[in-house]
Amino acid sequence: MTSLEEICADLKPTVAIGAAAIPGAFTEQFIELMGEFNQQPIIFALSNPTSKAECTAEQAYKLTQVRPSINVVSCRCPACLDEQFLYSPACVADSRFVYSAN
């Protein structure tokens, strides 16, 4: 196994924690895999600023059909992603709630 996607497919994690400041580290394939075997995947894209986030909240919601139980990003995405996908603002938190020094 040499890629995050291969590791995800093999281990089937319930939580993804991104803190590497590598934009796009959580690829579409990775997010979709998380959604395949988790009813509500937990995806933490913690890197700041948003331009360095591993994925966006919008990507996580769209690629898992709005099922992540929490997605931590440095800014909020629109309340309505499109006509069929709505999410609760309670599902999105800011990294200041994760890092005690903020």
PDB file of N, CA and C in Angstrom:
ATOM      1  N   MET A   1       0.848  -1.180   0.000  1.00  0.00           N
ATOM      2  CA  MET A   1       0.000   0.000   0.000  1.00  0.00           C
ATOM      3  C   MET A   1       0.887   1.234   0.000  1.00  0.00           C
ATOM      4  N   THR A   2       0.664   2.079  -0.980  1.00  0.00           N
ATOM      5  CA  THR A   2       1.489   3.278  -1.079  1.00  0.00           C
ATOM      6  C   THR A   2       0.681   4.567  -1.135  1.00  0.00           C
ATOM      7  N   SER A   3      -0.624   4.478  -1.243  1.00  0.00           N
ATOM      8  CA  SER A   3      -1.432   5.694  -1.308  1.00  0.00           C
ATOM      9  C   SER A   3      -2.458   5.723  -0.179  1.00  0.00           C
ATOM     10  N   LEU A   4      -2.915   6.928   0.120  1.00  0.00           N
ATOM     11  CA  LEU A   4      -3.934   7.088   1.150  1.00  0.00           C
ATOM     12  C   LEU A   4      -5.201   6.317   0.779  1.00  0.00           C
ATOM     13  N   GLU A   5      -5.524   6.308  -0.497  1.00  0.00           N
ATOM     14  CA  GLU A   5      -6.719   5.586  -0.945  1.00  0.00           C
ATOM     15  C   GLU A   5      -6.586   4.083  -0.718  1.00  0.00           C
ATOM     16  N   GLU A   6      -5.429   3.517  -1.006  1.00  0.00           N
ATOM     17  CA  GLU A   6      -5.202   2.088  -0.777  1.00  0.00           C
ATOM     18  C   GLU A   6      -5.280   1.748   0.707  1.00  0.00           C
ATOM     19  N   ILE A   7      -4.692   2.590   1.520  1.00  0.00           N
ATOM     20  CA  ILE A   7      -4.732   2.372   2.974  1.00  0.00           C
ATOM     21  C   ILE A   7      -6.165   2.453   3.472  1.00  0.00           C
ATOM     22  N   CYS A   8      -6.916   3.444   2.979  1.00  0.00           N
ATOM     23  CA  CYS A   8      -8.315   3.612   3.374  1.00  0.00           C
ATOM     24  C   CYS A   8      -9.141   2.392   2.975  1.00  0.00           C
ATOM     25  N   ALA A   9      -8.957   1.907   1.754  1.00  0.00           N
ATOM     26  CA  ALA A   9      -9.715   0.746   1.274  1.00  0.00           C
ATOM     27  C   ALA A   9      -9.408  -0.495   2.094  1.00  0.00           C
ATOM     28  N   ASP A  10      -8.168  -0.626   2.549  1.00  0.00           N
ATOM     29  CA  ASP A  10      -7.755  -1.797   3.313  1.00  0.00           C
ATOM     30  C   ASP A  10      -8.186  -1.715   4.780  1.00  0.00           C
ATOM     31  N   LEU A  11      -7.963  -0.568   5.418  1.00  0.00           N
ATOM     32  CA  LEU A  11      -8.220  -0.437   6.853  1.00  0.00           C
ATOM     33  C   LEU A  11      -9.640  -0.006   7.198  1.00  0.00           C
ATOM     34  N   LYS A  12     -10.320   0.636   6.256  1.00  0.00           N
ATOM     35  CA  LYS A  12     -11.689   1.116   6.459  1.00  0.00           C
ATOM     36  C   LYS A  12     -11.827   1.960   7.745  1.00  0.00           C
ATOM     37  N   PRO A  13     -11.111   3.089   7.819  1.00  0.00           N
ATOM     38  CA  PRO A  13     -11.187   3.925   9.019  1.00  0.00           C
ATOM     39  C   PRO A  13     -12.534   4.632   9.140  1.00  0.00           C
ATOM     40  N   THR A  14     -12.898   5.014  10.352  1.00  0.00           N
ATOM     41  CA  THR A  14     -14.118   5.785  10.575  1.00  0.00           C
ATOM     42  C   THR A  14     -13.822   7.277  10.679  1.00  0.00           C
ATOM     43  N   VAL A  15     -12.552   7.622  10.937  1.00  0.00           N
ATOM     44  CA  VAL A  15     -12.156   9.014  11.130  1.00  0.00           C
ATOM     45  C   VAL A  15     -10.955   9.328  10.240  1.00  0.00           C
ATOM     46  N   ALA A  16     -10.972  10.498   9.612  1.00  0.00           N
ATOM     47  CA  ALA A  16      -9.821  10.998   8.858  1.00  0.00           C
ATOM     48  C   ALA A  16      -9.419  12.329   9.490  1.00  0.00           C
ATOM     49  N   ILE A  17      -8.165  12.431   9.902  1.00  0.00           N
ATOM     50  CA  ILE A  17      -7.668  13.663  10.506  1.00  0.00           C
ATOM     51  C   ILE A  17      -6.577  14.232   9.613  1.00  0.00           C
ATOM     52  N   GLY A  18      -6.831  15.413   9.075  1.00  0.00           N
ATOM     53  CA  GLY A  18      -5.857  16.076   8.222  1.00  0.00           C
ATOM     54  C   GLY A  18      -5.214  17.229   8.963  1.00  0.00           C
ATOM     55  N   ALA A  19      -3.902  17.180   9.119  1.00  0.00           N
ATOM     56  CA  ALA A  19      -3.175  18.250   9.805  1.00  0.00           C
ATOM     57  C   ALA A  19      -1.829  18.492   9.127  1.00  0.00           C
ATOM     58  N   ALA A  20      -1.734  18.168   7.849  1.00  0.00           N
ATOM     59  CA  ALA A  20      -0.456  18.247   7.138  1.00  0.00           C
ATOM     60  C   ALA A  20      -0.331  19.494   6.270  1.00  0.00           C
ATOM     61  N   ALA A  21      -1.401  20.271   6.142  1.00  0.00           N
ATOM     62  CA  ALA A  21      -1.416  21.470   5.294  1.00  0.00           C
ATOM     63  C   ALA A  21      -1.053  21.136   3.852  1.00  0.00           C
ATOM     64  N   ILE A  22      -1.578  20.013   3.370  1.00  0.00           N
ATOM     65  CA  ILE A  22      -1.376  19.601   1.975  1.00  0.00           C
ATOM     66  C   ILE A  22      -2.734  19.707   1.284  1.00  0.00           C
ATOM     67  N   PRO A  23      -2.940  20.781   0.519  1.00  0.00           N
ATOM     68  CA  PRO A  23      -4.233  20.965  -0.136  1.00  0.00           C
ATOM     69  C   PRO A  23      -4.597  19.758  -1.004  1.00  0.00           C
ATOM     70  N   GLY A  24      -5.837  19.294  -0.844  1.00  0.00           N
ATOM     71  CA  GLY A  24      -6.309  18.180  -1.652  1.00  0.00           C
ATOM     72  C   GLY A  24      -5.802  16.813  -1.228  1.00  0.00           C
ATOM     73  N   ALA A  25      -5.179  16.718  -0.056  1.00  0.00           N
ATOM     74  CA  ALA A  25      -4.678  15.420   0.409  1.00  0.00           C
ATOM     75  C   ALA A  25      -5.813  14.404   0.533  1.00  0.00           C
ATOM     76  N   PHE A  26      -6.998  14.870   0.912  1.00  0.00           N
ATOM     77  CA  PHE A  26      -8.171  13.996   0.927  1.00  0.00           C
ATOM     78  C   PHE A  26      -8.803  14.105  -0.458  1.00  0.00           C
ATOM     79  N   THR A  27      -8.435  13.196  -1.340  1.00  0.00           N
ATOM     80  CA  THR A  27      -8.902  13.223  -2.723  1.00  0.00           C
ATOM     81  C   THR A  27     -10.371  12.819  -2.809  1.00  0.00           C
ATOM     82  N   GLU A  28     -10.960  13.048  -3.976  1.00  0.00           N
ATOM     83  CA  GLU A  28     -12.345  12.627  -4.186  1.00  0.00           C
ATOM     84  C   GLU A  28     -12.492  11.137  -3.937  1.00  0.00           C
ATOM     85  N   GLN A  29     -11.554  10.351  -4.438  1.00  0.00           N
ATOM     86  CA  GLN A  29     -11.615   8.899  -4.245  1.00  0.00           C
ATOM     87  C   GLN A  29     -11.558   8.539  -2.760  1.00  0.00           C
ATOM     88  N   PHE A  30     -10.685   9.196  -2.013  1.00  0.00           N
ATOM     89  CA  PHE A  30     -10.564   8.933  -0.578  1.00  0.00           C
ATOM     90  C   PHE A  30     -11.866   9.270   0.149  1.00  0.00           C
ATOM     91  N   ILE A  31     -12.434  10.435  -0.128  1.00  0.00           N
ATOM     92  CA  ILE A  31     -13.671  10.851   0.534  1.00  0.00           C
ATOM     93  C   ILE A  31     -14.812   9.910   0.173  1.00  0.00           C
ATOM     94  N   GLU A  32     -14.894   9.537  -1.093  1.00  0.00           N
ATOM     95  CA  GLU A  32     -15.937   8.588  -1.512  1.00  0.00           C
ATOM     96  C   GLU A  32     -15.766   7.246  -0.811  1.00  0.00           C
ATOM     97  N   LEU A  33     -14.523   6.775  -0.670  1.00  0.00           N
ATOM     98  CA  LEU A  33     -14.277   5.522   0.052  1.00  0.00           C
ATOM     99  C   LEU A  33     -14.734   5.633   1.498  1.00  0.00           C
ATOM    100  N   MET A  34     -14.422   6.757   2.145  1.00  0.00           N
ATOM    101  CA  MET A  34     -14.862   6.957   3.532  1.00  0.00           C
ATOM    102  C   MET A  34     -16.386   6.857   3.617  1.00  0.00           C
ATOM    103  N   GLY A  35     -17.070   7.377   2.607  1.00  0.00           N
ATOM    104  CA  GLY A  35     -18.523   7.329   2.591  1.00  0.00           C
ATOM    105  C   GLY A  35     -19.096   5.964   2.267  1.00  0.00           C
ATOM    106  N   GLU A  36     -18.325   5.131   1.574  1.00  0.00           N
ATOM    107  CA  GLU A  36     -18.810   3.796   1.206  1.00  0.00           C
ATOM    108  C   GLU A  36     -18.985   2.878   2.404  1.00  0.00           C
ATOM    109  N   PHE A  37     -18.069   2.920   3.334  1.00  0.00           N
ATOM    110  CA  PHE A  37     -18.141   1.979   4.456  1.00  0.00           C
ATOM    111  C   PHE A  37     -18.391   2.653   5.797  1.00  0.00           C
ATOM    112  N   ASN A  38     -18.792   3.915   5.795  1.00  0.00           N
ATOM    113  CA  ASN A  38     -19.187   4.612   7.020  1.00  0.00           C
ATOM    114  C   ASN A  38     -20.526   5.291   6.796  1.00  0.00           C
ATOM    115  N   GLN A  39     -21.470   5.036   7.665  1.00  0.00           N
ATOM    116  CA  GLN A  39     -22.762   5.713   7.575  1.00  0.00           C
ATOM    117  C   GLN A  39     -22.581   7.215   7.740  1.00  0.00           C
ATOM    118  N   GLN A  40     -21.746   7.625   8.696  1.00  0.00           N
ATOM    119  CA  GLN A  40     -21.429   9.035   8.905  1.00  0.00           C
ATOM    120  C   GLN A  40     -19.923   9.165   9.127  1.00  0.00           C
ATOM    121  N   PRO A  41     -19.144   9.265   8.056  1.00  0.00           N
ATOM    122  CA  PRO A  41     -17.697   9.398   8.227  1.00  0.00           C
ATOM    123  C   PRO A  41     -17.350  10.683   8.960  1.00  0.00           C
ATOM    124  N   ILE A  42     -16.317  10.629   9.768  1.00  0.00           N
ATOM    125  CA  ILE A  42     -15.835  11.803  10.495  1.00  0.00           C
ATOM    126  C   ILE A  42     -14.589  12.285   9.771  1.00  0.00           C
ATOM    127  N   ILE A  43     -14.686  13.479   9.197  1.00  0.00           N
ATOM    128  CA  ILE A  43     -13.592  14.005   8.386  1.00  0.00           C
ATOM    129  C   ILE A  43     -13.135  15.332   8.978  1.00  0.00           C
ATOM    130  N   PHE A  44     -11.933  15.349   9.521  1.00  0.00           N
ATOM    131  CA  PHE A  44     -11.351  16.560  10.084  1.00  0.00           C
ATOM    132  C   PHE A  44     -10.298  17.084   9.109  1.00  0.00           C
ATOM    133  N   ALA A  45     -10.597  18.164   8.435  1.00  0.00           N
ATOM    134  CA  ALA A  45      -9.614  18.836   7.578  1.00  0.00           C
ATOM    135  C   ALA A  45      -9.165  20.067   8.353  1.00  0.00           C
ATOM    136  N   LEU A  46      -8.142  19.911   9.173  1.00  0.00           N
ATOM    137  CA  LEU A  46      -7.806  20.910  10.177  1.00  0.00           C
ATOM    138  C   LEU A  46      -6.843  22.001   9.733  1.00  0.00           C
ATOM    139  N   SER A  47      -6.190  21.837   8.607  1.00  0.00           N
ATOM    140  CA  SER A  47      -5.144  22.780   8.224  1.00  0.00           C
ATOM    141  C   SER A  47      -5.688  24.159   7.896  1.00  0.00           C
ATOM    142  N   ASN A  48      -4.979  25.158   8.340  1.00  0.00           N
ATOM    143  CA  ASN A  48      -5.296  26.561   8.065  1.00  0.00           C
ATOM    144  C   ASN A  48      -4.137  27.192   7.329  1.00  0.00           C
ATOM    145  N   PRO A  49      -4.382  28.178   6.501  1.00  0.00           N
ATOM    146  CA  PRO A  49      -5.682  28.710   6.102  1.00  0.00           C
ATOM    147  C   PRO A  49      -6.425  27.734   5.195  1.00  0.00           C
ATOM    148  N   THR A  50      -7.623  28.101   4.809  1.00  0.00           N
ATOM    149  CA  THR A  50      -8.460  27.228   3.993  1.00  0.00           C
ATOM    150  C   THR A  50      -7.744  26.747   2.734  1.00  0.00           C
ATOM    151  N   SER A  51      -6.888  27.577   2.173  1.00  0.00           N
ATOM    152  CA  SER A  51      -6.174  27.195   0.950  1.00  0.00           C
ATOM    153  C   SER A  51      -5.264  25.995   1.166  1.00  0.00           C
ATOM    154  N   LYS A  52      -4.968  25.665   2.420  1.00  0.00           N
ATOM    155  CA  LYS A  52      -4.124  24.515   2.729  1.00  0.00           C
ATOM    156  C   LYS A  52      -4.912  23.337   3.297  1.00  0.00           C
ATOM    157  N   ALA A  53      -6.223  23.445   3.322  1.00  0.00           N
ATOM    158  CA  ALA A  53      -7.059  22.378   3.869  1.00  0.00           C
ATOM    159  C   ALA A  53      -6.988  21.124   3.010  1.00  0.00           C
ATOM    160  N   GLU A  54      -7.076  19.974   3.652  1.00  0.00           N
ATOM    161  CA  GLU A  54      -7.001  18.688   2.968  1.00  0.00           C
ATOM    162  C   GLU A  54      -8.195  18.462   2.054  1.00  0.00           C
ATOM    163  N   CYS A  55      -9.328  19.032   2.389  1.00  0.00           N
ATOM    164  CA  CYS A  55     -10.518  19.045   1.544  1.00  0.00           C
ATOM    165  C   CYS A  55     -11.401  20.171   2.055  1.00  0.00           C
ATOM    166  N   THR A  56     -12.421  20.472   1.302  1.00  0.00           N
ATOM    167  CA  THR A  56     -13.376  21.478   1.754  1.00  0.00           C
ATOM    168  C   THR A  56     -14.597  20.776   2.339  1.00  0.00           C
ATOM    169  N   ALA A  57     -15.354  21.509   3.127  1.00  0.00           N
ATOM    170  CA  ALA A  57     -16.601  20.951   3.658  1.00  0.00           C
ATOM    171  C   ALA A  57     -17.535  20.594   2.504  1.00  0.00           C
ATOM    172  N   GLU A  58     -17.568  21.437   1.488  1.00  0.00           N
ATOM    173  CA  GLU A  58     -18.428  21.170   0.334  1.00  0.00           C
ATOM    174  C   GLU A  58     -18.058  19.845  -0.325  1.00  0.00           C
ATOM    175  N   GLN A  59     -16.760  19.573  -0.496  1.00  0.00           N
ATOM    176  CA  GLN A  59     -16.335  18.297  -1.081  1.00  0.00           C
ATOM    177  C   GLN A  59     -16.793  17.133  -0.219  1.00  0.00           C
ATOM    178  N   ALA A  60     -16.584  17.237   1.075  1.00  0.00           N
ATOM    179  CA  ALA A  60     -16.963  16.143   1.976  1.00  0.00           C
ATOM    180  C   ALA A  60     -18.466  15.885   1.919  1.00  0.00           C
ATOM    181  N   TYR A  61     -19.248  16.955   1.922  1.00  0.00           N
ATOM    182  CA  TYR A  61     -20.700  16.781   1.877  1.00  0.00           C
ATOM    183  C   TYR A  61     -21.164  16.206   0.552  1.00  0.00           C
ATOM    184  N   LYS A  62     -20.693  16.748  -0.547  1.00  0.00           N
ATOM    185  CA  LYS A  62     -21.150  16.270  -1.856  1.00  0.00           C
ATOM    186  C   LYS A  62     -20.699  14.846  -2.141  1.00  0.00           C
ATOM    187  N   LEU A  63     -19.455  14.514  -1.798  1.00  0.00           N
ATOM    188  CA  LEU A  63     -18.918  13.196  -2.145  1.00  0.00           C
ATOM    189  C   LEU A  63     -19.432  12.085  -1.235  1.00  0.00           C
ATOM    190  N   THR A  64     -20.015  12.437  -0.084  1.00  0.00           N
ATOM    191  CA  THR A  64     -20.607  11.427   0.801  1.00  0.00           C
ATOM    192  C   THR A  64     -22.115  11.603   0.914  1.00  0.00           C
ATOM    193  N   GLN A  65     -22.713  12.369   0.011  1.00  0.00           N
ATOM    194  CA  GLN A  65     -24.137  12.684   0.047  1.00  0.00           C
ATOM    195  C   GLN A  65     -24.547  13.281   1.395  1.00  0.00           C
ATOM    196  N   VAL A  66     -23.753  14.227   1.886  1.00  0.00           N
ATOM    197  CA  VAL A  66     -24.023  14.988   3.104  1.00  0.00           C
ATOM    198  C   VAL A  66     -24.127  14.091   4.326  1.00  0.00           C
ATOM    199  N   ARG A  67     -23.218  13.139   4.467  1.00  0.00           N
ATOM    200  CA  ARG A  67     -23.279  12.254   5.613  1.00  0.00           C
ATOM    201  C   ARG A  67     -22.164  12.427   6.648  1.00  0.00           C
ATOM    202  N   PRO A  68     -21.140  13.251   6.448  1.00  0.00           N
ATOM    203  CA  PRO A  68     -20.131  13.346   7.498  1.00  0.00           C
ATOM    204  C   PRO A  68     -20.760  13.843   8.788  1.00  0.00           C
ATOM    205  N   SER A  69     -20.386  13.255   9.912  1.00  0.00           N
ATOM    206  CA  SER A  69     -20.950  13.721  11.168  1.00  0.00           C
ATOM    207  C   SER A  69     -20.289  15.006  11.607  1.00  0.00           C
ATOM    208  N   ILE A  70     -19.056  15.244  11.195  1.00  0.00           N
ATOM    209  CA  ILE A  70     -18.423  16.532  11.456  1.00  0.00           C
ATOM    210  C   ILE A  70     -17.307  16.734  10.455  1.00  0.00           C
ATOM    211  N   ASN A  71     -17.141  17.949  10.035  1.00  0.00           N
ATOM    212  CA  ASN A  71     -16.069  18.291   9.106  1.00  0.00           C
ATOM    213  C   ASN A  71     -15.502  19.600   9.581  1.00  0.00           C
ATOM    214  N   VAL A  72     -14.273  19.597  10.023  1.00  0.00           N
ATOM    215  CA  VAL A  72     -13.682  20.805  10.569  1.00  0.00           C
ATOM    216  C   VAL A  72     -12.862  21.491   9.499  1.00  0.00           C
ATOM    217  N   VAL A  73     -13.257  22.690   9.160  1.00  0.00           N
ATOM    218  CA  VAL A  73     -12.530  23.506   8.197  1.00  0.00           C
ATOM    219  C   VAL A  73     -12.455  24.918   8.753  1.00  0.00           C
ATOM    220  N   SER A  74     -11.624  25.743   8.158  1.00  0.00           N
ATOM    221  CA  SER A  74     -11.424  27.073   8.710  1.00  0.00           C
ATOM    222  C   SER A  74     -12.479  28.086   8.281  1.00  0.00           C
ATOM    223  N   CYS A  75     -13.366  27.717   7.382  1.00  0.00           N
ATOM    224  CA  CYS A  75     -14.463  28.623   7.037  1.00  0.00           C
ATOM    225  C   CYS A  75     -15.713  27.808   6.763  1.00  0.00           C
ATOM    226  N   ARG A  76     -16.831  28.461   6.779  1.00  0.00           N
ATOM    227  CA  ARG A  76     -18.107  27.790   6.572  1.00  0.00           C
ATOM    228  C   ARG A  76     -18.426  27.716   5.066  1.00  0.00           C
ATOM    229  N   CYS A  77     -19.044  26.638   4.657  1.00  0.00           N
ATOM    230  CA  CYS A  77     -19.493  26.548   3.272  1.00  0.00           C
ATOM    231  C   CYS A  77     -20.974  26.914   3.227  1.00  0.00           C
ATOM    232  N   PRO A  78     -21.540  27.107   2.060  1.00  0.00           N
ATOM    233  CA  PRO A  78     -22.943  27.537   1.964  1.00  0.00           C
ATOM    234  C   PRO A  78     -23.903  26.573   2.647  1.00  0.00           C
ATOM    235  N   ALA A  79     -24.968  27.110   3.199  1.00  0.00           N
ATOM    236  CA  ALA A  79     -25.964  26.280   3.887  1.00  0.00           C
ATOM    237  C   ALA A  79     -26.686  25.358   2.919  1.00  0.00           C
ATOM    238  N   CYS A  80     -26.734  25.735   1.682  1.00  0.00           N
ATOM    239  CA  CYS A  80     -27.395  24.904   0.677  1.00  0.00           C
ATOM    240  C   CYS A  80     -26.403  24.639  -0.440  1.00  0.00           C
ATOM    241  N   LEU A  81     -25.958  23.409  -0.556  1.00  0.00           N
ATOM    242  CA  LEU A  81     -24.991  23.062  -1.594  1.00  0.00           C
ATOM    243  C   LEU A  81     -25.657  22.970  -2.954  1.00  0.00           C
ATOM    244  N   ASP A  82     -26.824  22.451  -2.999  1.00  0.00           N
ATOM    245  CA  ASP A  82     -27.693  22.520  -4.164  1.00  0.00           C
ATOM    246  C   ASP A  82     -29.085  22.170  -3.685  1.00  0.00           C
ATOM    247  N   GLU A  83     -30.029  22.067  -4.563  1.00  0.00           N
ATOM    248  CA  GLU A  83     -31.417  21.914  -4.153  1.00  0.00           C
ATOM    249  C   GLU A  83     -31.691  20.679  -3.314  1.00  0.00           C
ATOM    250  N   GLN A  84     -30.939  19.598  -3.518  1.00  0.00           N
ATOM    251  CA  GLN A  84     -31.249  18.371  -2.795  1.00  0.00           C
ATOM    252  C   GLN A  84     -30.364  18.120  -1.578  1.00  0.00           C
ATOM    253  N   PHE A  85     -29.259  18.863  -1.452  1.00  0.00           N
ATOM    254  CA  PHE A  85     -28.357  18.611  -0.338  1.00  0.00           C
ATOM    255  C   PHE A  85     -28.301  19.785   0.619  1.00  0.00           C
ATOM    256  N   LEU A  86     -28.930  19.645   1.750  1.00  0.00           N
ATOM    257  CA  LEU A  86     -28.867  20.647   2.813  1.00  0.00           C
ATOM    258  C   LEU A  86     -28.143  20.025   3.995  1.00  0.00           C
ATOM    259  N   TYR A  87     -27.491  20.826   4.786  1.00  0.00           N
ATOM    260  CA  TYR A  87     -26.841  20.290   5.982  1.00  0.00           C
ATOM    261  C   TYR A  87     -27.077  21.215   7.156  1.00  0.00           C
ATOM    262  N   SER A  88     -26.901  20.690   8.316  1.00  0.00           N
ATOM    263  CA  SER A  88     -27.059  21.472   9.530  1.00  0.00           C
ATOM    264  C   SER A  88     -25.762  22.184   9.861  1.00  0.00           C
ATOM    265  N   PRO A  89     -25.801  23.494  10.160  1.00  0.00           N
ATOM    266  CA  PRO A  89     -24.577  24.205  10.551  1.00  0.00           C
ATOM    267  C   PRO A  89     -23.917  23.583  11.772  1.00  0.00           C
ATOM    268  N   ALA A  90     -24.644  22.814  12.561  1.00  0.00           N
ATOM    269  CA  ALA A  90     -24.058  22.150  13.727  1.00  0.00           C
ATOM    270  C   ALA A  90     -23.032  21.104  13.320  1.00  0.00           C
ATOM    271  N   CYS A  91     -23.080  20.670  12.066  1.00  0.00           N
ATOM    272  CA  CYS A  91     -22.143  19.655  11.603  1.00  0.00           C
ATOM    273  C   CYS A  91     -20.787  20.236  11.234  1.00  0.00           C
ATOM    274  N   VAL A  92     -20.695  21.553  11.136  1.00  0.00           N
ATOM    275  CA  VAL A  92     -19.440  22.187  10.746  1.00  0.00           C
ATOM    276  C   VAL A  92     -18.903  22.950  11.938  1.00  0.00           C
ATOM    277  N   ALA A  93     -17.654  22.724  12.262  1.00  0.00           N
ATOM    278  CA  ALA A  93     -17.020  23.425  13.376  1.00  0.00           C
ATOM    279  C   ALA A  93     -15.776  24.131  12.859  1.00  0.00           C
ATOM    280  N   ASP A  94     -15.291  25.057  13.609  1.00  0.00           N
ATOM    281  CA  ASP A  94     -14.074  25.768  13.252  1.00  0.00           C
ATOM    282  C   ASP A  94     -12.917  25.166  14.034  1.00  0.00           C
ATOM    283  N   SER A  95     -11.715  25.256  13.478  1.00  0.00           N
ATOM    284  CA  SER A  95     -10.566  24.632  14.124  1.00  0.00           C
ATOM    285  C   SER A  95     -10.271  25.223  15.503  1.00  0.00           C
ATOM    286  N   ARG A  96     -10.790  26.395  15.826  1.00  0.00           N
ATOM    287  CA  ARG A  96     -10.546  26.953  17.165  1.00  0.00           C
ATOM    288  C   ARG A  96     -11.149  26.058  18.251  1.00  0.00           C
ATOM    289  N   PHE A  97     -12.136  25.222  17.886  1.00  0.00           N
ATOM    290  CA  PHE A  97     -12.719  24.301  18.852  1.00  0.00           C
ATOM    291  C   PHE A  97     -11.862  23.054  19.049  1.00  0.00           C
ATOM    292  N   VAL A  98     -10.946  22.821  18.131  1.00  0.00           N
ATOM    293  CA  VAL A  98     -10.078  21.643  18.197  1.00  0.00           C
ATOM    294  C   VAL A  98      -8.746  21.981  18.842  1.00  0.00           C
ATOM    295  N   TYR A  99      -8.189  23.135  18.470  1.00  0.00           N
ATOM    296  CA  TYR A  99      -6.888  23.546  19.011  1.00  0.00           C
ATOM    297  C   TYR A  99      -7.104  24.448  20.212  1.00  0.00           C
ATOM    298  N   SER A 100      -6.682  24.015  21.372  1.00  0.00           N
ATOM    299  CA  SER A 100      -6.927  24.790  22.591  1.00  0.00           C
ATOM    300  C   SER A 100      -6.166  26.107  22.613  1.00  0.00           C
ATOM    301  N   ALA A 101      -5.095  26.237  21.841  1.00  0.00           N
ATOM    302  CA  ALA A 101      -4.296  27.465  21.853  1.00  0.00           C
ATOM    303  C   ALA A 101      -4.935  28.581  21.035  1.00  0.00           C
ATOM    304  N   ASN A 102      -5.953  28.285  20.260  1.00  0.00           N
ATOM    305  CA  ASN A 102      -6.585  29.328  19.431  1.00  0.00           C
ATOM    306  C   ASN A 102      -7.466  30.222  20.261  1.00  0.00           C
TER     307      ASN A 102
END
